[in-house]
Amino acid sequence: MNRQSTDRPIAIEPLVAGHWDAVRSIYSQGIATGNATFQQTAPDWEEWNAAHLRGCRLVARAEGEVVGWAALSPVSSRAVYRGVAEVSIYVAEAVRGCGVGASLMARLIVESEAEGIWTLQAGIFPENTASIKLHTDARFRIVGTRSRLGCMHGRWRDVVLLERRSLTAGT
C-alpha cells in the first residue's frame, strides 16, 4: 500500500483476535523506530489481550488492509481509577502521516466516553513529535516530562506525559 491509497476512506472497526497478525506486525514496526515504546518485542495475543481493556480496541482499514490500531490499558486495578486508561495508537509505516492515527484517535475518544472513561493518558518519548502532535490535536494537554524514566539500549529516556479529560464521561 502506498501513501496515495489512503485517499480512500479509512474504515474503523473493533479489533478482534483475527486481526492479531496484522496488529502485531504494525506494533513491531513501531517498536523498530526506537521511539514508540520501551517494549522491545511485540507480545503474543494472550499477553496483549490480558493487558488491554475489553472495549475500546480498534483497527483501521484502508482498501481492506489493517493499517493501524488503537487500544486502551487500565492504569490501575483500584476501583477509584476505573475511568482512567492509557492510550496506545500504532500506524503502519507505509501510511504514517495520512490521517490514520487521527481517525483512530477520534473514534477511540468517542468509544472511551461511551465506556465511562473520564481520563485518557499517554506517555510519549519527546522525540516522537508526530505522536505528541496527534495527541495535542485531540485536546490532550502536556502534564510534564518525567526525566530519565527508563533505560533503553543503554540510554536513559525521558517521557512526556499527556492527558485528556472527557467533557461527558465521569461528570
N, C-alpha and C. Protein backbone atom coordinates (compact mmCIF):
# COMPACT_ATOMS: atom_id res chain seq x y z
N MET A 1 0.85 -1.17 0.00
CA MET A 1 0.00 0.00 0.00
C MET A 1 0.89 1.23 0.00
N ASN A 2 0.55 2.21 -0.81
CA ASN A 2 1.32 3.44 -0.83
C ASN A 2 0.51 4.56 -0.19
N ARG A 3 1.16 5.70 0.02
CA ARG A 3 0.51 6.81 0.72
C ARG A 3 -0.73 7.31 -0.02
N GLN A 4 -0.74 7.29 -1.34
CA GLN A 4 -1.91 7.76 -2.07
C GLN A 4 -3.13 6.88 -1.81
N SER A 5 -2.92 5.64 -1.47
CA SER A 5 -4.05 4.73 -1.31
C SER A 5 -4.93 5.10 -0.13
N THR A 6 -4.45 5.90 0.81
CA THR A 6 -5.29 6.29 1.94
C THR A 6 -6.21 7.45 1.59
N ASP A 7 -6.19 7.89 0.31
CA ASP A 7 -7.19 8.86 -0.13
C ASP A 7 -8.58 8.23 -0.07
N ARG A 8 -8.62 6.93 -0.12
CA ARG A 8 -9.89 6.22 0.03
C ARG A 8 -10.27 6.22 1.50
N PRO A 9 -11.54 6.02 1.79
CA PRO A 9 -11.99 6.07 3.18
C PRO A 9 -11.25 5.08 4.08
N ILE A 10 -11.03 5.52 5.29
CA ILE A 10 -10.45 4.67 6.32
C ILE A 10 -11.61 4.13 7.14
N ALA A 11 -11.74 2.82 7.19
CA ALA A 11 -12.79 2.18 7.98
C ALA A 11 -12.23 1.84 9.35
N ILE A 12 -12.97 2.19 10.39
CA ILE A 12 -12.59 1.86 11.76
C ILE A 12 -13.55 0.79 12.25
N GLU A 13 -12.99 -0.29 12.81
CA GLU A 13 -13.83 -1.38 13.30
C GLU A 13 -13.22 -1.97 14.57
N PRO A 14 -13.99 -2.74 15.32
CA PRO A 14 -13.45 -3.36 16.53
C PRO A 14 -12.29 -4.30 16.22
N LEU A 15 -11.28 -4.25 17.05
CA LEU A 15 -10.13 -5.15 16.95
C LEU A 15 -10.51 -6.48 17.60
N VAL A 16 -10.33 -7.56 16.86
CA VAL A 16 -10.61 -8.90 17.37
C VAL A 16 -9.37 -9.77 17.17
N ALA A 17 -9.39 -10.94 17.78
CA ALA A 17 -8.24 -11.84 17.73
C ALA A 17 -7.78 -12.13 16.30
N GLY A 18 -8.70 -12.18 15.37
CA GLY A 18 -8.36 -12.46 13.98
C GLY A 18 -7.50 -11.39 13.33
N HIS A 19 -7.44 -10.21 13.92
CA HIS A 19 -6.59 -9.12 13.41
C HIS A 19 -5.16 -9.20 13.95
N TRP A 20 -4.92 -10.11 14.89
CA TRP A 20 -3.68 -10.07 15.65
C TRP A 20 -2.42 -10.08 14.79
N ASP A 21 -2.34 -10.89 13.75
CA ASP A 21 -1.11 -10.92 12.96
C ASP A 21 -0.79 -9.55 12.38
N ALA A 22 -1.78 -8.86 11.84
CA ALA A 22 -1.56 -7.52 11.28
C ALA A 22 -1.25 -6.52 12.38
N VAL A 23 -1.98 -6.60 13.49
CA VAL A 23 -1.75 -5.69 14.62
C VAL A 23 -0.34 -5.88 15.17
N ARG A 24 0.06 -7.12 15.34
CA ARG A 24 1.40 -7.41 15.86
C ARG A 24 2.48 -6.89 14.91
N SER A 25 2.28 -7.03 13.62
CA SER A 25 3.23 -6.53 12.64
C SER A 25 3.37 -5.01 12.73
N ILE A 26 2.25 -4.30 12.86
CA ILE A 26 2.28 -2.84 12.98
C ILE A 26 2.94 -2.45 14.30
N TYR A 27 2.64 -3.16 15.36
CA TYR A 27 3.27 -2.92 16.66
C TYR A 27 4.78 -3.09 16.53
N SER A 28 5.21 -4.13 15.87
CA SER A 28 6.65 -4.38 15.68
C SER A 28 7.31 -3.26 14.87
N GLN A 29 6.60 -2.72 13.88
CA GLN A 29 7.13 -1.58 13.12
C GLN A 29 7.35 -0.38 14.04
N GLY A 30 6.42 -0.15 14.94
CA GLY A 30 6.56 0.94 15.91
C GLY A 30 7.74 0.71 16.84
N ILE A 31 7.87 -0.50 17.34
CA ILE A 31 8.98 -0.85 18.22
C ILE A 31 10.31 -0.60 17.51
N ALA A 32 10.37 -0.95 16.23
CA ALA A 32 11.61 -0.82 15.45
C ALA A 32 12.08 0.63 15.32
N THR A 33 11.17 1.60 15.46
CA THR A 33 11.58 3.00 15.37
C THR A 33 12.45 3.41 16.54
N GLY A 34 12.31 2.71 17.66
CA GLY A 34 13.04 3.08 18.88
C GLY A 34 12.43 4.25 19.61
N ASN A 35 11.34 4.82 19.10
CA ASN A 35 10.73 5.98 19.73
C ASN A 35 9.25 5.80 20.05
N ALA A 36 8.76 4.57 20.01
CA ALA A 36 7.34 4.33 20.26
C ALA A 36 7.05 3.78 21.65
N THR A 37 7.97 3.00 22.21
CA THR A 37 7.68 2.29 23.45
C THR A 37 8.98 1.76 24.04
N PHE A 38 8.95 1.51 25.34
CA PHE A 38 10.07 0.82 25.98
C PHE A 38 10.05 -0.67 25.64
N GLN A 39 8.90 -1.17 25.21
CA GLN A 39 8.75 -2.58 24.84
C GLN A 39 9.76 -2.93 23.75
N GLN A 40 10.40 -4.08 23.86
CA GLN A 40 11.41 -4.47 22.88
C GLN A 40 10.92 -5.47 21.85
N THR A 41 9.86 -6.19 22.17
CA THR A 41 9.25 -7.13 21.22
C THR A 41 7.73 -7.09 21.42
N ALA A 42 7.02 -7.37 20.37
CA ALA A 42 5.56 -7.43 20.47
C ALA A 42 5.19 -8.73 21.20
N PRO A 43 4.26 -8.64 22.13
CA PRO A 43 3.86 -9.83 22.88
C PRO A 43 3.01 -10.76 22.02
N ASP A 44 2.70 -11.93 22.58
CA ASP A 44 1.74 -12.80 21.90
C ASP A 44 0.33 -12.30 22.21
N TRP A 45 -0.65 -12.85 21.50
CA TRP A 45 -2.02 -12.40 21.65
C TRP A 45 -2.50 -12.50 23.09
N GLU A 46 -2.22 -13.61 23.75
CA GLU A 46 -2.73 -13.82 25.10
C GLU A 46 -2.23 -12.73 26.05
N GLU A 47 -0.96 -12.39 25.98
CA GLU A 47 -0.40 -11.35 26.84
C GLU A 47 -1.01 -9.98 26.50
N TRP A 48 -1.07 -9.66 25.21
CA TRP A 48 -1.63 -8.38 24.78
C TRP A 48 -3.10 -8.27 25.20
N ASN A 49 -3.86 -9.32 24.96
CA ASN A 49 -5.28 -9.35 25.28
C ASN A 49 -5.51 -9.12 26.78
N ALA A 50 -4.71 -9.75 27.62
CA ALA A 50 -4.86 -9.62 29.07
C ALA A 50 -4.51 -8.21 29.56
N ALA A 51 -3.66 -7.51 28.84
CA ALA A 51 -3.18 -6.19 29.28
C ALA A 51 -4.08 -5.03 28.85
N HIS A 52 -5.05 -5.28 27.97
CA HIS A 52 -5.88 -4.20 27.42
C HIS A 52 -7.34 -4.36 27.82
N LEU A 53 -8.03 -3.22 27.94
CA LEU A 53 -9.45 -3.25 28.25
C LEU A 53 -10.21 -3.98 27.15
N ARG A 54 -11.29 -4.63 27.50
CA ARG A 54 -12.06 -5.41 26.53
C ARG A 54 -12.74 -4.51 25.49
N GLY A 55 -13.21 -3.35 25.91
CA GLY A 55 -13.79 -2.39 24.98
C GLY A 55 -12.69 -1.48 24.45
N CYS A 56 -13.04 -0.62 23.55
CA CYS A 56 -12.10 0.39 23.05
C CYS A 56 -10.86 -0.22 22.42
N ARG A 57 -11.06 -1.22 21.60
CA ARG A 57 -9.99 -1.84 20.80
C ARG A 57 -10.39 -1.66 19.34
N LEU A 58 -9.55 -0.99 18.58
CA LEU A 58 -9.94 -0.64 17.21
C LEU A 58 -8.83 -0.97 16.21
N VAL A 59 -9.25 -1.27 14.99
CA VAL A 59 -8.31 -1.31 13.87
C VAL A 59 -8.81 -0.34 12.81
N ALA A 60 -7.85 0.17 12.03
CA ALA A 60 -8.17 1.00 10.87
C ALA A 60 -7.85 0.17 9.64
N ARG A 61 -8.75 0.23 8.66
CA ARG A 61 -8.54 -0.46 7.39
C ARG A 61 -8.57 0.54 6.25
N ALA A 62 -7.66 0.35 5.31
CA ALA A 62 -7.68 1.09 4.05
C ALA A 62 -7.56 0.04 2.97
N GLU A 63 -8.46 0.08 2.02
CA GLU A 63 -8.52 -0.93 0.95
C GLU A 63 -8.57 -2.35 1.52
N GLY A 64 -9.23 -2.51 2.65
CA GLY A 64 -9.39 -3.81 3.27
C GLY A 64 -8.23 -4.26 4.13
N GLU A 65 -7.12 -3.57 4.06
CA GLU A 65 -5.91 -3.95 4.79
C GLU A 65 -5.85 -3.22 6.14
N VAL A 66 -5.49 -3.92 7.21
CA VAL A 66 -5.31 -3.29 8.51
C VAL A 66 -4.07 -2.40 8.43
N VAL A 67 -4.25 -1.10 8.71
CA VAL A 67 -3.16 -0.13 8.60
C VAL A 67 -2.89 0.60 9.90
N GLY A 68 -3.62 0.25 10.96
CA GLY A 68 -3.37 0.87 12.25
C GLY A 68 -4.25 0.24 13.31
N TRP A 69 -3.90 0.50 14.55
CA TRP A 69 -4.71 0.00 15.65
C TRP A 69 -4.62 0.93 16.84
N ALA A 70 -5.62 0.84 17.70
CA ALA A 70 -5.65 1.62 18.94
C ALA A 70 -6.31 0.78 20.01
N ALA A 71 -5.86 0.96 21.24
CA ALA A 71 -6.45 0.23 22.36
C ALA A 71 -6.15 0.98 23.65
N LEU A 72 -6.91 0.64 24.68
CA LEU A 72 -6.72 1.24 25.99
C LEU A 72 -6.28 0.19 27.00
N SER A 73 -5.42 0.61 27.91
CA SER A 73 -4.96 -0.24 29.01
C SER A 73 -5.38 0.42 30.32
N PRO A 74 -5.78 -0.36 31.30
CA PRO A 74 -6.10 0.24 32.60
C PRO A 74 -4.81 0.77 33.24
N VAL A 75 -4.92 1.88 33.97
CA VAL A 75 -3.72 2.39 34.65
C VAL A 75 -3.56 1.78 36.03
N SER A 76 -4.62 1.20 36.56
CA SER A 76 -4.58 0.60 37.89
C SER A 76 -5.75 -0.37 38.02
N SER A 77 -5.61 -1.31 38.91
CA SER A 77 -6.72 -2.23 39.20
C SER A 77 -7.61 -1.68 40.31
N ARG A 78 -7.22 -0.57 40.93
CA ARG A 78 -8.00 0.03 42.00
C ARG A 78 -9.28 0.66 41.43
N ALA A 79 -10.39 0.47 42.12
CA ALA A 79 -11.70 0.93 41.64
C ALA A 79 -11.73 2.43 41.39
N VAL A 80 -11.03 3.20 42.18
CA VAL A 80 -11.05 4.66 42.03
C VAL A 80 -10.51 5.10 40.67
N TYR A 81 -9.69 4.27 40.03
CA TYR A 81 -9.11 4.60 38.73
C TYR A 81 -9.82 3.90 37.57
N ARG A 82 -11.01 3.37 37.80
CA ARG A 82 -11.71 2.61 36.75
C ARG A 82 -11.98 3.43 35.49
N GLY A 83 -12.01 4.76 35.60
CA GLY A 83 -12.28 5.62 34.46
C GLY A 83 -11.04 6.28 33.89
N VAL A 84 -9.88 5.73 34.19
CA VAL A 84 -8.61 6.27 33.68
C VAL A 84 -7.92 5.17 32.88
N ALA A 85 -7.54 5.50 31.65
CA ALA A 85 -6.92 4.49 30.79
C ALA A 85 -5.77 5.10 29.99
N GLU A 86 -4.82 4.25 29.65
CA GLU A 86 -3.68 4.66 28.85
C GLU A 86 -3.91 4.30 27.39
N VAL A 87 -3.60 5.25 26.52
CA VAL A 87 -3.81 5.12 25.08
C VAL A 87 -2.60 4.49 24.40
N SER A 88 -2.87 3.56 23.49
CA SER A 88 -1.86 3.06 22.55
C SER A 88 -2.43 3.22 21.15
N ILE A 89 -1.69 3.88 20.27
CA ILE A 89 -2.07 4.01 18.87
C ILE A 89 -0.83 3.74 18.03
N TYR A 90 -0.96 2.82 17.09
CA TYR A 90 0.14 2.48 16.19
C TYR A 90 -0.37 2.50 14.76
N VAL A 91 0.44 3.05 13.86
CA VAL A 91 0.07 3.17 12.45
C VAL A 91 1.16 2.51 11.60
N ALA A 92 0.74 1.76 10.59
CA ALA A 92 1.68 1.09 9.69
C ALA A 92 2.60 2.12 9.05
N GLU A 93 3.85 1.76 8.92
CA GLU A 93 4.86 2.65 8.38
C GLU A 93 4.45 3.24 7.04
N ALA A 94 3.84 2.44 6.17
CA ALA A 94 3.50 2.88 4.81
C ALA A 94 2.47 4.00 4.77
N VAL A 95 1.70 4.18 5.85
CA VAL A 95 0.63 5.19 5.83
C VAL A 95 0.75 6.23 6.94
N ARG A 96 1.90 6.30 7.57
CA ARG A 96 2.08 7.33 8.60
C ARG A 96 1.97 8.71 7.96
N GLY A 97 1.31 9.61 8.66
CA GLY A 97 1.13 10.97 8.16
C GLY A 97 -0.05 11.13 7.22
N CYS A 98 -0.88 10.10 7.10
CA CYS A 98 -2.01 10.13 6.16
C CYS A 98 -3.36 10.21 6.84
N GLY A 99 -3.40 10.46 8.13
CA GLY A 99 -4.66 10.63 8.84
C GLY A 99 -5.20 9.39 9.52
N VAL A 100 -4.49 8.28 9.43
CA VAL A 100 -4.97 7.05 10.08
C VAL A 100 -4.99 7.22 11.59
N GLY A 101 -3.93 7.77 12.16
CA GLY A 101 -3.86 7.98 13.61
C GLY A 101 -4.97 8.89 14.10
N ALA A 102 -5.23 9.97 13.36
CA ALA A 102 -6.29 10.90 13.75
C ALA A 102 -7.66 10.23 13.70
N SER A 103 -7.89 9.40 12.70
CA SER A 103 -9.17 8.68 12.61
C SER A 103 -9.33 7.72 13.78
N LEU A 104 -8.27 7.00 14.10
CA LEU A 104 -8.32 6.08 15.24
C LEU A 104 -8.55 6.85 16.55
N MET A 105 -7.83 7.95 16.73
CA MET A 105 -7.96 8.74 17.96
C MET A 105 -9.38 9.26 18.13
N ALA A 106 -9.96 9.81 17.06
CA ALA A 106 -11.31 10.36 17.16
C ALA A 106 -12.31 9.30 17.60
N ARG A 107 -12.22 8.13 16.99
CA ARG A 107 -13.14 7.04 17.34
C ARG A 107 -12.86 6.51 18.74
N LEU A 108 -11.59 6.43 19.11
CA LEU A 108 -11.21 5.94 20.44
C LEU A 108 -11.77 6.86 21.53
N ILE A 109 -11.73 8.16 21.30
CA ILE A 109 -12.28 9.10 22.27
C ILE A 109 -13.78 8.90 22.43
N VAL A 110 -14.50 8.79 21.33
CA VAL A 110 -15.95 8.57 21.39
C VAL A 110 -16.26 7.28 22.14
N GLU A 111 -15.57 6.21 21.78
CA GLU A 111 -15.85 4.91 22.42
C GLU A 111 -15.45 4.91 23.90
N SER A 112 -14.35 5.57 24.22
CA SER A 112 -13.92 5.61 25.63
C SER A 112 -14.95 6.34 26.48
N GLU A 113 -15.49 7.44 25.96
CA GLU A 113 -16.51 8.17 26.72
C GLU A 113 -17.78 7.33 26.87
N ALA A 114 -18.15 6.59 25.86
CA ALA A 114 -19.31 5.71 25.95
C ALA A 114 -19.10 4.62 27.00
N GLU A 115 -17.83 4.24 27.23
CA GLU A 115 -17.49 3.22 28.24
C GLU A 115 -17.30 3.82 29.63
N GLY A 116 -17.47 5.13 29.76
CA GLY A 116 -17.33 5.77 31.07
C GLY A 116 -15.91 6.15 31.45
N ILE A 117 -15.02 6.17 30.49
CA ILE A 117 -13.63 6.58 30.76
C ILE A 117 -13.61 8.11 30.83
N TRP A 118 -13.12 8.66 31.94
CA TRP A 118 -13.11 10.11 32.09
C TRP A 118 -11.73 10.73 31.87
N THR A 119 -10.69 9.92 31.90
CA THR A 119 -9.35 10.45 31.61
C THR A 119 -8.59 9.47 30.74
N LEU A 120 -8.08 9.99 29.64
CA LEU A 120 -7.15 9.23 28.79
C LEU A 120 -5.77 9.81 29.04
N GLN A 121 -4.79 8.95 29.15
CA GLN A 121 -3.43 9.43 29.34
C GLN A 121 -2.49 8.72 28.39
N ALA A 122 -1.35 9.35 28.17
CA ALA A 122 -0.33 8.79 27.29
C ALA A 122 1.04 9.20 27.80
N GLY A 123 2.00 8.32 27.61
CA GLY A 123 3.40 8.61 27.89
C GLY A 123 4.16 8.44 26.58
N ILE A 124 4.79 9.51 26.11
CA ILE A 124 5.39 9.51 24.78
C ILE A 124 6.82 10.02 24.86
N PHE A 125 7.74 9.35 24.18
CA PHE A 125 9.11 9.85 24.10
C PHE A 125 9.09 11.23 23.44
N PRO A 126 9.86 12.20 23.95
CA PRO A 126 9.85 13.54 23.35
C PRO A 126 10.27 13.56 21.89
N GLU A 127 11.05 12.60 21.46
CA GLU A 127 11.48 12.52 20.06
C GLU A 127 10.34 12.14 19.12
N ASN A 128 9.28 11.59 19.66
CA ASN A 128 8.14 11.15 18.85
C ASN A 128 7.17 12.33 18.67
N THR A 129 7.64 13.33 17.95
CA THR A 129 6.87 14.57 17.79
C THR A 129 5.55 14.35 17.06
N ALA A 130 5.49 13.39 16.14
CA ALA A 130 4.23 13.12 15.43
C ALA A 130 3.17 12.61 16.41
N SER A 131 3.55 11.76 17.34
CA SER A 131 2.59 11.24 18.31
C SER A 131 2.16 12.33 19.29
N ILE A 132 3.09 13.16 19.71
CA ILE A 132 2.73 14.26 20.60
C ILE A 132 1.74 15.18 19.90
N LYS A 133 1.98 15.49 18.63
CA LYS A 133 1.06 16.34 17.86
C LYS A 133 -0.31 15.67 17.71
N LEU A 134 -0.33 14.38 17.41
CA LEU A 134 -1.60 13.66 17.31
C LEU A 134 -2.41 13.84 18.59
N HIS A 135 -1.77 13.68 19.72
CA HIS A 135 -2.46 13.79 21.00
C HIS A 135 -2.88 15.22 21.31
N THR A 136 -2.00 16.19 21.11
CA THR A 136 -2.38 17.58 21.41
C THR A 136 -3.46 18.06 20.46
N ASP A 137 -3.46 17.61 19.21
CA ASP A 137 -4.53 17.95 18.27
C ASP A 137 -5.87 17.39 18.75
N ALA A 138 -5.84 16.32 19.53
CA ALA A 138 -7.06 15.70 20.06
C ALA A 138 -7.39 16.22 21.47
N ARG A 139 -6.83 17.37 21.81
CA ARG A 139 -7.11 18.06 23.07
C ARG A 139 -6.52 17.38 24.30
N PHE A 140 -5.43 16.63 24.10
CA PHE A 140 -4.64 16.19 25.25
C PHE A 140 -3.78 17.38 25.66
N ARG A 141 -3.52 17.51 26.94
CA ARG A 141 -2.61 18.55 27.40
C ARG A 141 -1.34 17.89 27.93
N ILE A 142 -0.26 18.59 27.77
CA ILE A 142 1.01 18.08 28.31
C ILE A 142 1.03 18.39 29.79
N VAL A 143 1.17 17.33 30.59
CA VAL A 143 1.21 17.45 32.04
C VAL A 143 2.63 17.78 32.49
N GLY A 144 3.60 17.16 31.83
CA GLY A 144 5.00 17.38 32.17
C GLY A 144 5.87 16.31 31.56
N THR A 145 7.13 16.35 31.90
CA THR A 145 8.09 15.37 31.40
C THR A 145 8.73 14.66 32.58
N ARG A 146 8.71 13.35 32.52
CA ARG A 146 9.42 12.54 33.53
C ARG A 146 10.80 12.27 32.98
N SER A 147 11.79 12.82 33.64
CA SER A 147 13.17 12.71 33.19
C SER A 147 13.76 11.36 33.55
N ARG A 148 14.50 10.81 32.59
CA ARG A 148 15.22 9.56 32.82
C ARG A 148 14.31 8.49 33.44
N LEU A 149 13.15 8.31 32.83
CA LEU A 149 12.16 7.37 33.38
C LEU A 149 12.60 5.93 33.23
N GLY A 150 13.26 5.61 32.13
CA GLY A 150 13.71 4.24 31.90
C GLY A 150 14.93 4.22 31.01
N CYS A 151 15.68 3.15 31.12
CA CYS A 151 16.89 2.99 30.32
C CYS A 151 16.61 1.99 29.20
N MET A 152 16.91 2.41 27.97
CA MET A 152 16.67 1.57 26.81
C MET A 152 17.93 1.55 25.96
N HIS A 153 18.46 0.36 25.73
CA HIS A 153 19.67 0.19 24.94
C HIS A 153 20.82 1.03 25.50
N GLY A 154 20.91 1.07 26.83
CA GLY A 154 22.00 1.80 27.49
C GLY A 154 21.82 3.31 27.53
N ARG A 155 20.66 3.81 27.13
CA ARG A 155 20.39 5.25 27.10
C ARG A 155 19.15 5.57 27.93
N TRP A 156 19.28 6.51 28.87
CA TRP A 156 18.14 6.94 29.66
C TRP A 156 17.19 7.75 28.80
N ARG A 157 15.89 7.46 28.94
CA ARG A 157 14.88 8.12 28.11
C ARG A 157 13.89 8.91 28.98
N ASP A 158 13.57 10.10 28.52
CA ASP A 158 12.52 10.90 29.13
C ASP A 158 11.18 10.49 28.52
N VAL A 159 10.10 10.79 29.23
CA VAL A 159 8.75 10.50 28.74
C VAL A 159 7.86 11.71 29.01
N VAL A 160 7.22 12.21 27.96
CA VAL A 160 6.26 13.31 28.08
C VAL A 160 4.92 12.70 28.47
N LEU A 161 4.32 13.23 29.55
CA LEU A 161 3.01 12.75 30.00
C LEU A 161 1.92 13.69 29.48
N LEU A 162 0.89 13.09 28.90
CA LEU A 162 -0.25 13.85 28.38
C LEU A 162 -1.53 13.26 28.94
N GLU A 163 -2.55 14.11 29.05
CA GLU A 163 -3.86 13.61 29.48
C GLU A 163 -4.96 14.39 28.79
N ARG A 164 -6.09 13.71 28.68
CA ARG A 164 -7.30 14.32 28.12
C ARG A 164 -8.46 13.98 29.03
N ARG A 165 -9.12 15.00 29.52
CA ARG A 165 -10.30 14.80 30.35
C ARG A 165 -11.54 14.83 29.48
N SER A 166 -12.41 13.89 29.70
CA SER A 166 -13.66 13.83 28.97
C SER A 166 -14.55 15.00 29.36
N LEU A 167 -15.28 15.50 28.40
CA LEU A 167 -16.26 16.54 28.68
C LEU A 167 -17.61 15.94 29.08
N THR A 168 -17.76 14.61 28.86
CA THR A 168 -19.05 13.98 29.13
C THR A 168 -18.98 12.83 30.14
N ALA A 169 -17.96 12.00 30.06
CA ALA A 169 -17.88 10.82 30.93
C ALA A 169 -17.40 11.23 32.32
N GLY A 170 -17.95 10.57 33.33
CA GLY A 170 -17.50 10.77 34.70
C GLY A 170 -17.89 12.10 35.31
N THR A 171 -18.84 12.79 34.69
CA THR A 171 -19.24 14.09 35.25
C THR A 171 -20.48 13.98 36.08
